[in-house]
């Protein structure tokens, strides 16, 4: 079958896709740090993974939420696990070369181990936090991670199936990761070379366009100054504001065209 998620043809360039696997209805008070009197206004959330394909590499950025985590949450409309959705779009799980985990929250790690040939990439600082004493004491954040996922990432770093990166690093020509922090201790973003210029998958370093464009941090964060610094770094890395892709904003489908036959499901970023 010909892949609907086509690869770029030029060396060192990628085609990039945002794939929505779930949605949730929320309110603004859940999504922005600080009070502004609009807390009760509806504010929907989308859940994405991103696929980047070059002539030689297929890279999945984040792995979404597992079915076992979504099932008990009635507010979440779970539309299919990322490996299943990719397979339906012509990309078999075995074709994925790398899974970049931007951070270790449960809605980004849930299917990371369902890609049998992929090397998993995480920041060392992120892994150290979630396996160290600070996270163990911070019970307020416990629900944000999946202990089974974190333990498996740690096991895989020991046996060579995962790599813990210290700072910025080029993964393959045209795709690099960058430590920014803010949302989590070791939050990383992904810079991708495309025919339209450098695109940055911000993931949860900016959940919504409004976070980075309005200089308004998300409600859940590791440190406030760190999130502002993350906004600045993302802006430096991207070739213009239209090249920053947030982690949970339904407006992605307003700003980028849908893949043919996949409206509201797959957006073509570049």
Protein backbone atom coordinates (compact mmCIF):
# COMPACT_ATOMS: atom_id res chain seq x y z
CA UNK A 1 0.00 0.00 0.00
CA UNK A 2 1.25 3.50 -0.84
CA UNK A 3 1.69 5.56 2.31
CA UNK A 4 -0.73 8.45 2.65
CA UNK A 5 1.92 10.05 4.86
CA UNK A 6 4.46 10.58 2.10
CA UNK A 7 8.14 11.27 2.70
CA UNK A 8 10.10 14.27 1.47
CA UNK A 9 12.29 13.63 -1.55
CA UNK A 10 15.09 16.16 -1.03
CA UNK A 11 17.99 14.99 1.18
CA UNK A 12 17.86 16.44 4.68
CA UNK A 13 14.21 17.55 4.38
CA UNK A 14 11.09 16.10 5.94
CA UNK A 15 7.36 16.05 5.39
CA UNK A 16 5.59 16.69 8.71
CA UNK A 17 2.10 15.64 9.81
CA UNK A 18 0.00 16.26 12.93
CA UNK A 19 -2.22 13.27 13.74
CA UNK A 20 -5.07 13.78 16.20
CA UNK A 21 -5.93 10.71 18.23
CA UNK A 22 -8.23 12.18 20.92
CA UNK A 23 -10.16 15.27 22.02
CA UNK A 24 -11.49 16.64 25.29
CA UNK A 25 -13.79 19.52 26.18
CA UNK A 26 -12.26 21.77 28.82
CA UNK A 27 -12.34 25.33 30.14
CA UNK A 28 -9.73 28.10 30.01
CA UNK A 29 -9.04 27.87 33.72
CA UNK A 30 -7.49 24.44 33.15
CA UNK A 31 -5.15 25.69 30.46
CA UNK A 32 -3.61 29.05 31.42
CA UNK A 33 -1.46 30.09 34.35
CA UNK A 34 -2.93 33.00 36.33
CA UNK A 35 -6.39 34.45 36.72
CA UNK A 36 -7.92 36.64 34.01
CA UNK A 37 -11.67 36.34 34.66
CA UNK A 38 -12.27 33.98 31.73
CA UNK A 39 -11.69 30.71 33.59
CA UNK A 40 -15.14 29.28 32.89
CA UNK A 41 -15.10 29.82 29.12
CA UNK A 42 -15.07 26.63 27.01
CA UNK A 43 -11.64 25.72 25.73
CA UNK A 44 -11.34 22.40 23.87
CA UNK A 45 -8.21 20.30 23.74
CA UNK A 46 -6.85 18.04 21.02
CA UNK A 47 -4.30 15.29 21.52
CA UNK A 48 -1.68 14.81 18.81
CA UNK A 49 1.32 12.83 17.75
CA UNK A 50 3.52 14.08 14.91
CA UNK A 51 5.19 12.14 12.12
CA UNK A 52 8.24 13.41 10.22
CA UNK A 53 9.35 11.50 7.11
CA UNK A 54 12.47 12.02 5.01
CA UNK A 55 13.81 9.88 2.18
CA UNK A 56 15.79 7.88 4.74
CA UNK A 57 14.14 8.29 8.17
CA UNK A 58 10.71 8.05 9.77
CA UNK A 59 10.47 9.81 13.13
CA UNK A 60 7.47 9.80 15.47
CA UNK A 61 7.34 12.69 17.90
CA UNK A 62 5.52 11.61 21.05
CA UNK A 63 3.45 8.46 21.32
CA UNK A 64 0.16 9.63 22.73
CA UNK A 65 -2.01 8.10 25.40
CA UNK A 66 -2.50 4.38 25.80
CA UNK A 67 -6.04 2.94 25.61
CA UNK A 68 -5.74 1.76 29.20
CA UNK A 69 -5.20 5.33 30.43
CA UNK A 70 -7.96 6.88 28.32
CA UNK A 71 -10.66 4.32 29.13
CA UNK A 72 -11.40 5.51 32.70
CA UNK A 73 -11.63 9.19 31.66
CA UNK A 74 -15.13 9.87 30.29
CA UNK A 75 -14.25 13.40 29.12
CA UNK A 76 -11.75 12.07 26.58
CA UNK A 77 -12.98 11.05 23.14
CA UNK A 78 -10.29 8.52 22.22
CA UNK A 79 -10.31 7.92 18.48
CA UNK A 80 -7.66 5.23 18.23
CA UNK A 81 -4.15 4.47 19.40
CA UNK A 82 -1.36 6.16 17.43
CA UNK A 83 0.15 2.90 16.12
CA UNK A 84 -3.24 1.84 14.76
CA UNK A 85 -3.88 5.24 13.18
CA UNK A 86 -0.46 5.30 11.55
CA UNK A 87 -0.98 1.80 10.21
CA UNK A 88 -4.30 2.87 8.68
CA UNK A 89 -2.43 5.73 7.01
CA UNK A 90 0.12 3.40 5.44
CA UNK A 91 2.95 3.61 7.99
CA UNK A 92 3.43 0.30 9.78
CA UNK A 93 4.78 0.49 13.36
CA UNK A 94 7.90 -1.36 12.23
CA UNK A 95 8.76 1.44 9.80
CA UNK A 96 9.32 4.00 12.56
CA UNK A 97 13.05 4.53 13.19
CA UNK A 98 12.89 6.86 16.19
CA UNK A 99 10.31 7.82 18.81
CA UNK A 100 11.18 11.20 20.31
CA UNK A 101 9.52 11.68 23.69
CA UNK A 102 9.33 15.40 24.32
CA UNK A 103 8.64 14.68 27.99
CA UNK A 104 7.40 11.88 30.25
CA UNK A 105 3.73 12.75 30.77
CA UNK A 106 1.31 9.88 30.28
CA UNK A 107 -0.39 11.37 27.21
CA UNK A 108 2.95 11.45 25.37
CA UNK A 109 4.47 8.09 26.34
CA UNK A 110 1.53 5.69 26.16
CA UNK A 111 2.37 3.71 23.00
CA UNK A 112 6.11 4.38 22.77
CA UNK A 113 6.95 0.69 23.09
CA UNK A 114 4.63 -0.45 20.29
CA UNK A 115 7.15 0.48 17.59
CA UNK A 116 9.42 -2.57 17.50
CA UNK A 117 12.32 -1.14 15.50
CA UNK A 118 12.37 2.36 16.95
CA UNK A 119 15.02 3.83 19.20
CA UNK A 120 13.46 5.99 21.92
CA UNK A 121 14.96 9.42 22.63
CA UNK A 122 14.46 11.36 25.87
CA UNK A 123 16.35 14.09 27.69
CA UNK A 124 18.52 12.86 30.56
CA UNK A 125 17.26 15.71 32.72
CA UNK A 126 13.65 14.58 32.20
CA UNK A 127 14.44 10.97 33.06
CA UNK A 128 16.44 12.02 36.12
CA UNK A 129 13.52 14.06 37.42
CA UNK A 130 10.88 11.36 37.09
CA UNK A 131 13.12 8.65 38.55
CA UNK A 132 14.54 10.84 41.34
CA UNK A 133 13.49 12.06 44.78
CA UNK A 134 11.88 15.33 43.69
CA UNK A 135 9.14 13.70 41.62
CA UNK A 136 8.54 11.15 44.39
CA UNK A 137 7.84 13.96 46.86
CA UNK A 138 5.74 16.03 44.44
CA UNK A 139 2.52 14.06 44.83
CA UNK A 140 0.53 16.86 43.15
CA UNK A 141 2.13 15.88 39.84
CA UNK A 142 1.98 12.10 40.27
CA UNK A 143 -1.00 11.69 37.95
CA UNK A 144 0.92 13.28 35.07
CA UNK A 145 3.31 10.38 34.55
CA UNK A 146 2.79 6.67 34.04
CA UNK A 147 5.21 4.80 36.33
CA UNK A 148 5.21 1.78 34.00
CA UNK A 149 6.21 3.94 31.04
CA UNK A 150 8.94 5.73 32.98
CA UNK A 151 10.34 2.44 34.26
CA UNK A 152 10.38 1.00 30.74
CA UNK A 153 12.19 4.05 29.34
CA UNK A 154 14.76 3.69 32.10
CA UNK A 155 15.21 -0.03 31.35
CA UNK A 156 15.67 0.69 27.67
CA UNK A 157 18.33 3.31 28.29
CA UNK A 158 20.28 0.63 30.13
CA UNK A 159 20.01 -1.95 27.35
CA UNK A 160 20.61 0.48 24.47
CA UNK A 161 17.10 0.62 23.00
CA UNK A 162 16.64 4.18 24.29
CA UNK A 163 19.01 7.12 24.46
CA UNK A 164 19.04 9.78 27.16
CA UNK A 165 20.32 13.00 25.56
CA UNK A 166 22.09 15.78 27.41
CA UNK A 167 20.94 19.02 25.79
CA UNK A 168 20.65 19.78 22.08
CA UNK A 169 21.44 17.09 19.54
CA UNK A 170 21.03 16.35 15.84
CA UNK A 171 19.28 12.99 15.53
CA UNK A 172 19.49 12.61 11.74
CA UNK A 173 20.28 15.21 9.07
CA UNK A 174 17.50 17.79 9.14
CA UNK A 175 16.02 16.83 12.53
CA UNK A 176 17.31 17.90 15.94
CA UNK A 177 16.10 18.02 19.54
CA UNK A 178 16.51 20.99 21.88
CA UNK A 179 16.25 21.09 25.66
CA UNK A 180 13.97 23.96 26.74
CA UNK A 181 12.42 23.01 30.11
CA UNK A 182 9.54 25.06 31.49
CA UNK A 183 6.60 22.68 31.28
CA UNK A 184 8.70 19.85 32.73
CA UNK A 185 12.25 19.61 34.05
CA UNK A 186 13.61 18.17 30.82
CA UNK A 187 11.10 19.28 28.21
CA UNK A 188 12.52 19.10 24.68
CA UNK A 189 11.26 20.40 21.35
CA UNK A 190 12.01 19.12 17.85
CA UNK A 191 13.32 21.25 14.99
CA UNK A 192 12.67 19.82 11.53
CA UNK A 193 13.96 20.99 8.16
CA UNK A 194 11.20 21.14 5.53
CA UNK A 195 10.75 22.62 2.07
CA UNK A 196 9.04 25.57 3.80
CA UNK A 197 11.82 26.17 6.32
CA UNK A 198 12.52 25.01 9.86
CA UNK A 199 9.42 23.80 11.71
CA UNK A 200 9.43 23.37 15.50
CA UNK A 201 7.18 20.81 17.15
CA UNK A 202 6.73 22.62 20.46
CA UNK A 203 4.58 19.89 21.97
CA UNK A 204 3.74 20.92 25.53
CA UNK A 205 6.34 23.67 25.68
CA UNK A 206 3.37 25.57 24.21
CA UNK A 207 0.10 23.67 24.46
CA UNK A 208 -1.80 26.26 22.41
CA UNK A 209 -0.92 28.97 19.93
CA UNK A 210 -2.11 31.46 22.55
CA UNK A 211 0.56 30.33 25.02
CA UNK A 212 3.52 31.35 22.90
CA UNK A 213 1.84 34.07 20.84
CA UNK A 214 0.32 35.73 23.91
CA UNK A 215 3.27 35.00 26.23
CA UNK A 216 0.91 33.12 28.55
CA UNK A 217 2.24 29.95 30.22
CA UNK A 218 0.15 26.82 30.50
CA UNK A 219 -1.40 26.03 33.88
CA UNK A 220 0.74 22.93 34.53
CA UNK A 221 4.42 23.78 34.60
CA UNK A 222 7.73 23.02 36.25
CA UNK A 223 8.77 26.67 36.53
CA UNK A 224 7.36 29.90 35.16
CA UNK A 225 10.61 31.60 34.03
CA UNK A 226 11.59 28.36 32.33
CA UNK A 227 8.43 28.43 30.27
CA UNK A 228 9.09 32.01 29.13
CA UNK A 229 12.62 30.99 28.19
CA UNK A 230 11.18 28.04 26.27
CA UNK A 231 8.96 30.41 24.28
CA UNK A 232 12.03 32.48 23.38
CA UNK A 233 14.08 29.45 22.35
CA UNK A 234 11.28 28.05 20.19
CA UNK A 235 10.97 31.40 18.44
CA UNK A 236 14.72 31.38 17.74
CA UNK A 237 14.62 27.88 16.31
CA UNK A 238 11.60 28.28 14.01
CA UNK A 239 11.57 30.06 10.67
CA UNK A 240 8.68 32.34 11.60
CA UNK A 241 5.58 32.10 13.78
CA UNK A 242 3.75 29.94 11.25
CA UNK A 243 6.35 27.26 11.81
CA UNK A 244 5.63 26.64 15.52
CA UNK A 245 3.31 23.70 16.18
CA UNK A 246 1.69 23.57 19.63
CA UNK A 247 0.89 20.39 21.48
CA UNK A 248 -2.86 20.43 22.03
CA UNK A 249 -4.51 23.16 19.97
CA UNK A 250 -7.51 22.24 17.76
CA UNK A 251 -6.70 25.39 15.75
CA UNK A 252 -3.95 23.39 14.02
CA UNK A 253 -6.74 22.34 11.65
CA UNK A 254 -7.59 26.00 10.98
CA UNK A 255 -4.00 26.99 10.17
CA UNK A 256 -2.81 23.96 8.22
CA UNK A 257 -4.49 21.97 5.44
CA UNK A 258 -5.95 18.56 6.10
CA UNK A 259 -4.52 15.51 4.44
CA UNK A 260 -6.77 14.44 1.57
CA UNK A 261 -9.64 12.42 2.96
CA UNK A 262 -8.60 13.06 6.60
CA UNK A 263 -10.30 16.32 7.69
CA UNK A 264 -10.02 16.89 11.42
CA UNK A 265 -7.75 13.87 11.72
CA UNK A 266 -4.45 14.62 9.96
CA UNK A 267 -3.01 18.08 9.23
CA UNK A 268 -0.17 18.57 6.77
CA UNK A 269 2.31 20.88 8.49
CA UNK A 270 4.89 21.00 5.69
